[in-house]
């Protein structure tokens, strides 16, 4: 499926990338689209930028790709309200550490209110570390 993956809504941004990051080059396109949308929100005065729904579920992203997403979010102090990461077979204890690092940057006011992590490769140890 081609077309945009990041949408501007009255309440903030919505990322609709479920099962859409498999093809070569699709992740880089997504990351560029996300960076441009976040920057646009910042120039419009929305600080921190808000992502109402970030859905990158059911993708097999590498550790480095997960790291790039959460580095981008952390660099702009983005408030993600709903984080959908279910069905990501490559989301393991190492990746949950990256997500934990991002969460440590957040305040109570801009922490996600919902997270979907089912069907991932997180062990009990990884979850407890998170």
Protein backbone atom coordinates (compact mmCIF):
# COMPACT_ATOMS: atom_id res chain seq x y z
CA UNK A 1 0.00 0.00 0.00
CA UNK A 2 1.44 3.35 -0.96
CA UNK A 3 0.43 6.84 0.01
CA UNK A 4 0.94 8.87 3.15
CA UNK A 5 1.41 7.23 6.52
CA UNK A 6 1.28 10.38 8.69
CA UNK A 7 -1.93 12.40 8.79
CA UNK A 8 -2.67 15.80 10.28
CA UNK A 9 -5.87 15.88 12.36
CA UNK A 10 -7.39 18.63 14.53
CA UNK A 11 -6.11 16.85 17.66
CA UNK A 12 -2.60 16.19 16.38
CA UNK A 13 -0.92 13.71 14.10
CA UNK A 14 -1.97 10.14 13.36
CA UNK A 15 0.49 7.53 12.12
CA UNK A 16 -1.11 4.71 10.14
CA UNK A 17 1.76 2.40 9.25
CA UNK A 18 0.43 -1.00 10.34
CA UNK A 19 1.97 -3.63 8.02
CA UNK A 20 3.25 -0.85 5.75
CA UNK A 21 6.96 -0.83 6.56
CA UNK A 22 7.95 -4.12 4.90
CA UNK A 23 8.93 -2.99 1.40
CA UNK A 24 12.45 -1.70 0.71
CA UNK A 25 12.62 2.03 1.33
CA UNK A 26 9.24 2.20 3.07
CA UNK A 27 10.75 2.73 6.53
CA UNK A 28 12.97 5.60 5.32
CA UNK A 29 9.96 7.21 3.62
CA UNK A 30 7.96 6.85 6.84
CA UNK A 31 10.72 8.32 9.02
CA UNK A 32 11.10 11.31 6.70
CA UNK A 33 7.33 11.85 6.61
CA UNK A 34 7.18 11.67 10.42
CA UNK A 35 10.08 14.13 10.85
CA UNK A 36 8.48 16.61 8.44
CA UNK A 37 5.09 16.39 10.16
CA UNK A 38 6.61 16.88 13.63
CA UNK A 39 8.63 19.88 12.44
CA UNK A 40 5.51 21.37 10.84
CA UNK A 41 3.59 21.04 14.13
CA UNK A 42 6.45 22.74 15.98
CA UNK A 43 6.55 25.65 13.51
CA UNK A 44 2.80 26.03 13.99
CA UNK A 45 3.41 26.45 17.72
CA UNK A 46 2.29 23.04 18.94
CA UNK A 47 4.79 22.30 21.68
CA UNK A 48 5.13 19.51 22.43
CA UNK A 49 3.88 18.06 19.17
CA UNK A 50 1.07 15.54 19.72
CA UNK A 51 0.61 12.19 18.01
CA UNK A 52 -2.84 10.91 18.88
CA UNK A 53 -2.22 7.44 17.50
CA UNK A 54 1.15 6.00 16.48
CA UNK A 55 0.46 2.64 14.84
CA UNK A 56 3.54 0.83 13.55
CA UNK A 57 2.22 -2.58 14.59
CA UNK A 58 2.72 -5.82 12.68
CA UNK A 59 6.03 -4.76 11.15
CA UNK A 60 9.39 -6.52 11.48
CA UNK A 61 11.56 -3.52 12.23
CA UNK A 62 15.22 -3.88 13.10
CA UNK A 63 16.67 -2.69 16.40
CA UNK A 64 18.14 0.30 14.53
CA UNK A 65 14.77 1.19 13.01
CA UNK A 66 13.01 1.12 16.38
CA UNK A 67 15.87 3.20 17.74
CA UNK A 68 15.42 5.76 14.93
CA UNK A 69 11.69 6.11 15.65
CA UNK A 70 12.12 6.65 19.38
CA UNK A 71 15.14 8.93 18.89
CA UNK A 72 12.98 11.08 16.61
CA UNK A 73 10.18 11.19 19.19
CA UNK A 74 12.57 11.98 22.05
CA UNK A 75 14.47 14.67 20.14
CA UNK A 76 11.23 16.62 19.71
CA UNK A 77 9.67 15.72 23.09
CA UNK A 78 6.64 14.34 21.22
CA UNK A 79 3.54 13.47 23.23
CA UNK A 80 2.29 10.12 21.88
CA UNK A 81 -1.15 9.42 23.30
CA UNK A 82 -1.66 5.89 21.92
CA UNK A 83 1.29 3.68 20.99
CA UNK A 84 0.46 0.56 18.96
CA UNK A 85 3.35 -1.89 18.66
CA UNK A 86 1.53 -5.23 18.80
CA UNK A 87 2.51 -8.08 16.53
CA UNK A 88 6.11 -6.90 16.12
CA UNK A 89 8.10 -10.12 16.32
CA UNK A 90 11.35 -8.13 16.47
CA UNK A 91 10.26 -6.02 19.47
CA UNK A 92 12.39 -7.78 22.09
CA UNK A 93 14.07 -6.91 25.39
CA UNK A 94 16.64 -4.73 23.62
CA UNK A 95 13.95 -2.69 21.91
CA UNK A 96 11.89 -2.36 25.09
CA UNK A 97 15.05 -0.78 26.59
CA UNK A 98 14.93 1.90 23.86
CA UNK A 99 11.26 2.53 24.61
CA UNK A 100 12.10 2.77 28.31
CA UNK A 101 14.81 5.34 27.55
CA UNK A 102 12.23 7.41 25.64
CA UNK A 103 9.75 7.14 28.53
CA UNK A 104 12.36 8.43 30.99
CA UNK A 105 12.42 11.68 29.00
CA UNK A 106 8.69 12.19 29.42
CA UNK A 107 6.73 13.96 32.10
CA UNK A 108 3.49 12.71 33.59
CA UNK A 109 1.61 15.11 31.31
CA UNK A 110 3.09 13.84 28.04
CA UNK A 111 3.36 10.11 28.74
CA UNK A 112 1.21 7.78 26.60
CA UNK A 113 -2.19 6.86 28.01
CA UNK A 114 -2.34 3.62 26.01
CA UNK A 115 0.22 1.06 24.84
CA UNK A 116 -0.40 -2.10 22.83
CA UNK A 117 2.46 -4.61 23.14
CA UNK A 118 0.86 -8.04 22.63
CA UNK A 119 2.44 -10.64 20.35
CA UNK A 120 5.95 -9.23 20.68
CA UNK A 121 9.16 -10.93 21.83
CA UNK A 122 9.40 -9.23 25.23
CA UNK A 123 10.36 -11.61 28.04
CA UNK A 124 9.43 -11.26 31.69
CA UNK A 125 12.93 -9.88 32.36
CA UNK A 126 12.52 -7.28 29.63
CA UNK A 127 9.12 -6.22 30.91
CA UNK A 128 10.39 -5.91 34.48
CA UNK A 129 13.34 -3.84 33.27
CA UNK A 130 10.94 -1.59 31.36
